[in-house]
């Protein structure tokens, strides 16, 4: 079912005469747009986007109605990207890392150990790094970035009976990862054995010992009730990614400039609020994990990045991204 804000179109058996007297909020808007997301409706990013689309409807005088379709209702990530590029979907809320399927340099912000904390990440994404990535998105010709960046969460490593205290503990470690080239190359470089397993099979893979551990943001570990099948979480913060709202260029340009301004303003506000929500949730999640018996390991700062820098990981990605892109990373991150 489509997740809407508090407004729904009144339906069922009304003739044209009856429709004419319906409240203006129930009538078709001048611009009826869809926004797809892979996130469930209960997460902070969708909650904040619902607030934003309500405000957009009000502030545009009912001219722009954006309907949110969470939980991959419109298809998987590749399908929604394709729909956005064709114009069948006007907005897609996803991460730069996921969009790397069509914007290869989009994964730049997800490289290993780029940021010490969220302040550093958002300083980069609100500045030169974000500008560079957004320009890369525009090179597709049919996609634009129409919001600020928000927080997808630092990813951390979890393990069973084999704690990961430092890089040496990853040697031969069977680690579940999503099909993400940055993650697989990062852990391969550190001597681990990355194993790509669908997210829906992750819990069982940990429970049966098919893998020794996995890696995710701590908030997702809580959702998984990780303590039932794992013993340790290492707060290594090995990668980070950012949510943003992307738009089909033609659909965006159909909006008059004054409506574009209202839409962008409210999407930006939603992203800024989500940053605060997410940071609080990450801190809360560490506490929940500890309360449920998870051993929280806080490694020596920089120890994993130093080990990674001694491999060809950064050189390999520099070759893939190119000198211009790498210079941006050198100016804006820990590289």
Protein backbone atom coordinates (compact mmCIF):
# COMPACT_ATOMS: atom_id res chain seq x y z
CA UNK A 1 0.00 0.00 0.00
CA UNK A 2 1.21 3.48 -0.80
CA UNK A 3 2.31 5.38 2.27
CA UNK A 4 0.79 8.85 2.18
CA UNK A 5 0.95 11.65 4.65
CA UNK A 6 -2.27 12.60 6.39
CA UNK A 7 -3.90 13.43 3.06
CA UNK A 8 -5.58 10.82 0.87
CA UNK A 9 -7.67 11.24 -2.23
CA UNK A 10 -11.31 10.62 -1.40
CA UNK A 11 -12.54 7.87 -3.63
CA UNK A 12 -15.37 5.54 -4.36
CA UNK A 13 -18.57 6.28 -6.19
CA UNK A 14 -18.45 10.07 -6.36
CA UNK A 15 -19.82 11.68 -9.50
CA UNK A 16 -18.42 14.81 -11.07
CA UNK A 17 -20.93 16.99 -9.29
CA UNK A 18 -19.96 15.61 -5.90
CA UNK A 19 -16.24 15.92 -6.72
CA UNK A 20 -16.66 19.61 -7.41
CA UNK A 21 -17.50 20.30 -3.77
CA UNK A 22 -14.72 18.20 -2.25
CA UNK A 23 -12.11 20.07 -0.20
CA UNK A 24 -9.24 21.36 -2.30
CA UNK A 25 -6.76 18.99 -0.57
CA UNK A 26 -8.64 16.01 -2.03
CA UNK A 27 -8.49 17.25 -5.60
CA UNK A 28 -5.76 16.36 -8.04
CA UNK A 29 -2.77 18.63 -7.74
CA UNK A 30 -1.26 20.40 -10.71
CA UNK A 31 1.90 18.31 -10.19
CA UNK A 32 1.30 14.75 -8.93
CA UNK A 33 4.72 13.20 -8.28
CA UNK A 34 5.93 9.92 -6.74
CA UNK A 35 8.90 9.42 -4.41
CA UNK A 36 10.31 5.90 -4.10
CA UNK A 37 12.45 4.54 -1.28
CA UNK A 38 13.80 1.20 -0.14
CA UNK A 39 13.39 2.19 3.52
CA UNK A 40 10.41 1.05 5.60
CA UNK A 41 7.93 3.74 6.70
CA UNK A 42 9.04 3.55 10.35
CA UNK A 43 12.60 4.83 9.87
CA UNK A 44 13.56 8.44 10.54
CA UNK A 45 14.28 9.29 6.90
CA UNK A 46 10.74 8.38 5.77
CA UNK A 47 9.12 10.00 8.78
CA UNK A 48 10.91 13.26 7.99
CA UNK A 49 10.07 12.99 4.28
CA UNK A 50 6.40 12.58 5.13
CA UNK A 51 6.58 15.80 7.11
CA UNK A 52 8.26 17.47 4.15
CA UNK A 53 5.68 16.44 1.56
CA UNK A 54 2.89 17.68 3.83
CA UNK A 55 4.59 21.07 4.02
CA UNK A 56 5.23 21.11 0.28
CA UNK A 57 1.53 20.54 -0.40
CA UNK A 58 0.57 23.35 1.99
CA UNK A 59 3.21 25.86 0.93
CA UNK A 60 2.50 25.37 -2.78
CA UNK A 61 -1.21 25.93 -2.21
CA UNK A 62 -1.94 22.34 -3.18
CA UNK A 63 -0.16 22.59 -6.52
CA UNK A 64 2.46 19.92 -5.70
CA UNK A 65 1.53 16.59 -4.14
CA UNK A 66 4.33 14.06 -3.63
CA UNK A 67 3.28 10.54 -2.68
CA UNK A 68 5.85 8.40 -0.89
CA UNK A 69 6.26 4.71 -1.78
CA UNK A 70 8.52 3.11 0.90
CA UNK A 71 9.79 -0.45 1.33
CA UNK A 72 10.75 -0.90 -2.35
CA UNK A 73 7.08 -0.91 -3.35
CA UNK A 74 8.03 0.39 -6.79
CA UNK A 75 10.78 -2.17 -7.37
CA UNK A 76 14.30 -2.96 -6.26
CA UNK A 77 17.09 -0.40 -6.36
CA UNK A 78 18.05 -0.96 -9.98
CA UNK A 79 14.42 -0.87 -11.07
CA UNK A 80 13.73 2.39 -9.26
CA UNK A 81 16.88 3.99 -10.67
CA UNK A 82 15.74 2.94 -14.14
CA UNK A 83 12.26 4.37 -13.52
CA UNK A 84 13.74 7.64 -12.31
CA UNK A 85 15.96 7.93 -15.37
CA UNK A 86 13.03 7.29 -17.70
CA UNK A 87 10.72 9.70 -15.87
CA UNK A 88 8.28 7.03 -14.68
CA UNK A 89 9.42 7.92 -11.15
CA UNK A 90 9.97 11.57 -10.32
CA UNK A 91 11.98 11.20 -7.08
CA UNK A 92 14.08 8.42 -5.54
CA UNK A 93 15.44 8.66 -1.99
CA UNK A 94 18.58 6.55 -1.86
CA UNK A 95 22.30 6.69 -1.11
CA UNK A 96 25.17 7.89 -3.23
CA UNK A 97 26.67 4.42 -2.88
CA UNK A 98 23.60 2.77 -4.38
CA UNK A 99 23.44 5.35 -7.16
CA UNK A 100 27.02 4.38 -8.07
CA UNK A 101 25.43 1.77 -10.33
CA UNK A 102 24.88 4.61 -12.82
CA UNK A 103 27.21 7.26 -11.33
CA UNK A 104 30.47 5.35 -10.73
CA UNK A 105 32.12 8.13 -8.76
CA UNK A 106 29.07 8.23 -6.48
CA UNK A 107 30.75 5.65 -4.27
CA UNK A 108 33.61 8.04 -3.48
CA UNK A 109 32.08 9.07 -0.16
CA UNK A 110 31.86 5.40 0.91
CA UNK A 111 35.58 4.57 0.76
CA UNK A 112 37.21 3.15 3.87
CA UNK A 113 37.86 5.33 6.90
CA UNK A 114 37.32 8.68 5.19
CA UNK A 115 35.76 10.47 8.18
CA UNK A 116 36.43 10.55 11.91
CA UNK A 117 32.86 11.51 12.76
CA UNK A 118 29.60 12.91 11.36
CA UNK A 119 30.78 16.51 11.64
CA UNK A 120 33.64 15.72 9.28
CA UNK A 121 31.36 13.80 6.91
CA UNK A 122 28.81 16.58 6.62
CA UNK A 123 31.46 19.28 6.31
CA UNK A 124 32.63 17.42 3.21
CA UNK A 125 29.17 16.67 1.84
CA UNK A 126 27.95 20.23 2.40
CA UNK A 127 31.08 21.50 0.71
CA UNK A 128 33.47 20.51 -2.05
CA UNK A 129 32.94 16.74 -1.97
CA UNK A 130 29.16 17.08 -2.15
CA UNK A 131 29.42 19.61 -4.96
CA UNK A 132 31.69 17.27 -6.91
CA UNK A 133 29.40 14.26 -6.44
CA UNK A 134 26.31 16.25 -7.39
CA UNK A 135 28.02 17.42 -10.57
CA UNK A 136 28.79 13.78 -11.35
CA UNK A 137 25.11 12.94 -10.91
CA UNK A 138 24.13 15.71 -13.32
CA UNK A 139 26.44 14.26 -15.96
CA UNK A 140 23.93 11.43 -16.38
CA UNK A 141 21.78 13.99 -18.18
CA UNK A 142 18.56 12.83 -16.57
CA UNK A 143 19.16 12.84 -12.80
CA UNK A 144 19.60 15.74 -10.39
CA UNK A 145 20.27 15.95 -6.64
CA UNK A 146 17.52 18.05 -5.05
CA UNK A 147 18.32 17.85 -1.34
CA UNK A 148 21.14 18.06 1.14
CA UNK A 149 22.86 14.89 2.31
CA UNK A 150 21.80 13.00 5.40
CA UNK A 151 23.12 10.08 7.44
CA UNK A 152 22.99 6.46 6.35
CA UNK A 153 25.19 5.56 9.31
CA UNK A 154 28.78 4.45 9.86
CA UNK A 155 29.12 0.72 9.26
CA UNK A 156 30.70 -1.45 11.94
CA UNK A 157 31.78 -5.09 12.20
CA UNK A 158 29.99 -7.74 14.25
CA UNK A 159 31.29 -11.20 15.12
CA UNK A 160 30.43 -14.36 17.01
CA UNK A 161 32.95 -16.24 19.12
CA UNK A 162 35.83 -14.59 17.29
CA UNK A 163 36.12 -10.93 18.40
CA UNK A 164 37.66 -8.41 16.03
CA UNK A 165 39.93 -6.26 18.17
CA UNK A 166 42.18 -5.10 15.33
CA UNK A 167 43.08 -5.70 11.68
CA UNK A 168 44.96 -8.94 12.42
CA UNK A 169 41.71 -10.53 13.61
CA UNK A 170 40.22 -10.17 10.14
CA UNK A 171 42.65 -12.63 8.55
CA UNK A 172 40.53 -15.42 7.08
CA UNK A 173 37.41 -13.98 8.72
CA UNK A 174 34.29 -14.98 6.75
CA UNK A 175 32.33 -11.73 6.63
CA UNK A 176 28.94 -11.16 5.03
CA UNK A 177 28.76 -8.05 2.88
CA UNK A 178 26.20 -6.70 0.43
CA UNK A 179 27.20 -6.71 -3.27
CA UNK A 180 29.19 -3.51 -2.85
CA UNK A 181 32.60 -3.33 -4.59
CA UNK A 182 34.00 -0.86 -2.06
CA UNK A 183 33.14 -3.11 0.88
CA UNK A 184 34.30 -6.33 -0.72
CA UNK A 185 37.60 -4.79 -1.81
CA UNK A 186 38.13 -3.18 1.60
CA UNK A 187 37.77 -6.42 3.53
CA UNK A 188 39.67 -8.44 0.95
CA UNK A 189 42.54 -5.97 1.34
CA UNK A 190 42.49 -6.51 5.11
CA UNK A 191 42.72 -10.28 4.66
CA UNK A 192 39.08 -11.17 5.33
CA UNK A 193 36.91 -13.40 3.15
CA UNK A 194 33.90 -11.28 2.14
CA UNK A 195 30.84 -13.35 1.32
CA UNK A 196 27.95 -11.73 -0.53
CA UNK A 197 24.66 -12.89 1.00
CA UNK A 198 21.21 -11.28 0.48
CA UNK A 199 20.16 -9.21 3.47
CA UNK A 200 17.08 -11.35 4.02
CA UNK A 201 19.34 -14.37 4.61
CA UNK A 202 21.79 -12.59 6.94
CA UNK A 203 20.27 -13.65 10.28
CA UNK A 204 20.23 -17.32 9.29
CA UNK A 205 23.78 -17.11 7.94
CA UNK A 206 24.99 -15.79 11.31
CA UNK A 207 22.87 -18.25 13.25
CA UNK A 208 24.17 -21.29 11.37
CA UNK A 209 27.79 -20.12 11.24
CA UNK A 210 27.82 -19.86 7.47
CA UNK A 211 29.78 -16.65 8.11
CA UNK A 212 31.79 -15.52 11.13
CA UNK A 213 30.23 -12.07 11.16
CA UNK A 214 28.86 -9.18 9.17
CA UNK A 215 28.92 -5.40 9.00
CA UNK A 216 26.11 -2.85 9.23
CA UNK A 217 25.17 0.37 11.02
CA UNK A 218 24.44 -0.32 14.69
CA UNK A 219 20.82 0.75 14.30
CA UNK A 220 20.30 -2.07 11.82
CA UNK A 221 22.01 -4.48 14.20
CA UNK A 222 19.35 -3.59 16.78
CA UNK A 223 16.56 -4.16 14.26
CA UNK A 224 18.05 -7.60 13.57
CA UNK A 225 18.26 -8.43 17.30
CA UNK A 226 21.87 -9.25 16.64
CA UNK A 227 22.52 -10.33 20.23
CA UNK A 228 20.58 -13.53 19.54
CA UNK A 229 23.23 -14.77 17.08
CA UNK A 230 26.40 -12.71 17.74
CA UNK A 231 28.57 -11.74 20.68
CA UNK A 232 30.71 -8.76 19.62
CA UNK A 233 30.44 -5.45 17.79
CA UNK A 234 33.60 -3.60 16.81
CA UNK A 235 33.01 0.14 16.41
CA UNK A 236 35.50 0.51 13.57
CA UNK A 237 33.33 2.85 11.44
CA UNK A 238 34.92 1.41 8.33
CA UNK A 239 32.63 3.12 5.81
CA UNK A 240 29.90 5.75 5.70
CA UNK A 241 27.26 6.67 3.17
CA UNK A 242 24.72 9.42 2.74
CA UNK A 243 21.04 9.52 1.85
CA UNK A 244 19.78 12.18 -0.56
CA UNK A 245 16.73 12.78 -2.72
CA UNK A 246 17.40 12.46 -6.43
CA UNK A 247 15.03 13.63 -9.16
CA UNK A 248 14.29 13.03 -12.79
CA UNK A 249 15.59 16.16 -14.50
CA UNK A 250 12.63 16.64 -16.84
CA UNK A 251 10.11 16.24 -14.01
CA UNK A 252 12.05 18.69 -11.85
CA UNK A 253 12.30 21.24 -14.63
CA UNK A 254 8.54 21.07 -15.22
CA UNK A 255 8.13 22.72 -11.82
CA UNK A 256 8.21 26.52 -11.96
CA UNK A 257 11.16 28.02 -10.09
CA UNK A 258 9.06 29.17 -7.14
CA UNK A 259 7.75 25.62 -6.63
CA UNK A 260 11.24 24.16 -7.02
CA UNK A 261 12.39 26.46 -4.23
CA UNK A 262 9.61 25.26 -1.91
CA UNK A 263 10.27 21.59 -2.67
CA UNK A 264 14.02 21.89 -2.22
CA UNK A 265 13.70 23.92 0.99
CA UNK A 266 11.48 21.33 2.64
CA UNK A 267 13.53 18.37 1.45
CA UNK A 268 16.65 20.08 2.82
CA UNK A 269 14.94 20.64 6.17
CA UNK A 270 13.92 16.97 6.28
CA UNK A 271 17.51 15.90 5.65
CA UNK A 272 18.90 18.20 8.34
CA UNK A 273 16.39 16.87 10.88
CA UNK A 274 17.24 13.31 9.88
CA UNK A 275 20.90 13.99 10.63
CA UNK A 276 19.99 14.80 14.24
CA UNK A 277 17.60 11.84 14.47
CA UNK A 278 20.16 9.41 13.09
CA UNK A 279 23.02 10.52 15.33
CA UNK A 280 20.81 10.08 18.40
CA UNK A 281 19.63 6.70 17.13
CA UNK A 282 23.17 5.45 16.57
CA UNK A 283 24.11 6.36 20.16
CA UNK A 284 20.95 4.78 21.51
CA UNK A 285 21.56 1.64 19.49
CA UNK A 286 25.01 1.07 21.01
CA UNK A 287 23.36 1.19 24.44
CA UNK A 288 20.67 -1.28 23.39
CA UNK A 289 23.30 -3.69 22.09
CA UNK A 290 25.23 -3.46 25.37
CA UNK A 291 22.06 -3.94 27.42
CA UNK A 292 21.41 -7.16 25.53
CA UNK A 293 24.83 -8.61 26.23
CA UNK A 294 26.83 -7.56 23.17
CA UNK A 295 30.51 -6.92 23.86
CA UNK A 296 31.29 -3.48 22.43
CA UNK A 297 34.87 -3.21 21.18
CA UNK A 298 36.33 0.26 20.68
CA UNK A 299 39.57 -0.19 18.71
CA UNK A 300 42.54 2.11 18.83
CA UNK A 301 41.82 5.14 16.59
CA UNK A 302 43.36 4.84 13.15
CA UNK A 303 44.57 1.27 13.51
CA UNK A 304 42.34 -0.11 10.75
CA UNK A 305 42.99 2.77 8.37
CA UNK A 306 46.75 2.39 8.85
CA UNK A 307 46.51 -1.29 7.97
CA UNK A 308 44.37 -0.52 4.93
CA UNK A 309 46.76 2.20 3.75
CA UNK A 310 49.55 -0.40 3.70
CA UNK A 311 47.66 -2.31 0.98
CA UNK A 312 46.79 -1.32 -2.59
CA UNK A 313 43.21 -0.42 -1.66
CA UNK A 314 43.51 3.37 -1.98
CA UNK A 315 45.79 3.19 -5.01
CA UNK A 316 43.35 0.88 -6.78
CA UNK A 317 40.40 3.20 -6.18
CA UNK A 318 42.45 6.24 -7.14
CA UNK A 319 43.10 4.62 -10.49
CA UNK A 320 39.40 3.89 -10.90
CA UNK A 321 38.14 7.37 -9.91
CA UNK A 322 40.88 9.39 -11.58
CA UNK A 323 43.25 12.13 -10.41
CA UNK A 324 40.66 14.93 -10.38
CA UNK A 325 38.29 13.03 -8.12
CA UNK A 326 41.12 11.81 -5.88
CA UNK A 327 42.34 15.37 -5.37
CA UNK A 328 38.88 16.25 -4.04
CA UNK A 329 39.03 13.35 -1.59
CA UNK A 330 42.50 14.39 -0.43
CA UNK A 331 41.23 17.91 0.31
CA UNK A 332 38.04 16.86 2.11
CA UNK A 333 38.68 13.54 3.87
CA UNK A 334 41.29 11.56 5.84
CA UNK A 335 42.98 10.25 2.68
